[in-house]
Amino acid sequence: MSEPDRQRADSGRGAAAAARDELLRAHYDEFRKVAGRVLNGDAAALQIQPTDLAHEAVIRLSGLNRLDFKGRTHFLSLSARVMRQILIDEIRRMRAAKRQAPPVSTQLPPELGAQSIDLEDLDRALSKLEAVAPDHARLVEQRYFAGLTLEEIAEIDGVSVRTVKRQWRAARAWLVSELGQR
């Protein structure tokens, strides 16, 4: 690669990093709101506060240099995946440190049954759904962990809102059935 090409590539990476950092700054408060909603159950058991979850998500997202965010909704969608992984990592860390660690639950929103559910059970159910219908699992992540609307998800995926609503109904029904078996 010639020197001018290398400089253009570095300049492009710098612009992408600047755009990512701007998205992080602009949506930090949203991160905290989503983190508070997700941690509404047994957050004290995890010893993690919404601010801590938001900070960890920002740190992990800051380390993603090779991603090209396609705007706010794409960025928040990726943030949902990061927050989910942080929570599961924290639960596993806590359970590894304590033999009889209590379950860590969260309150599902009304559209998912409004029940209290163990976060690891939710993660397992989402992983199973991902194996069968990856789009549906991503949709649940985007709705629950990022708080995106169906319209925003349709925009990200480049499909109609009707399609997303249909997928949402199917994903909800599958999850309610799967989680109800516990």
Foldseek 3Di string as FASTA:
>chain_A
DDPVVVVVVVVVLVVQLVVLVVLLVVCLVLQLVLLCQFQVFPVVLLVAHSNNLSVQLSVVSSPPRPDRQPDNLSSLLVSLVSSLVVVVVSVVVSCVVDVCRDFRWHQDDVLLPRHIAGSVLVVVLLVVCCVVPVVLSSLCSSCRRRVDDLVSSCVVVVHDSVVSVVSPVVSSVSNSVSRVVD
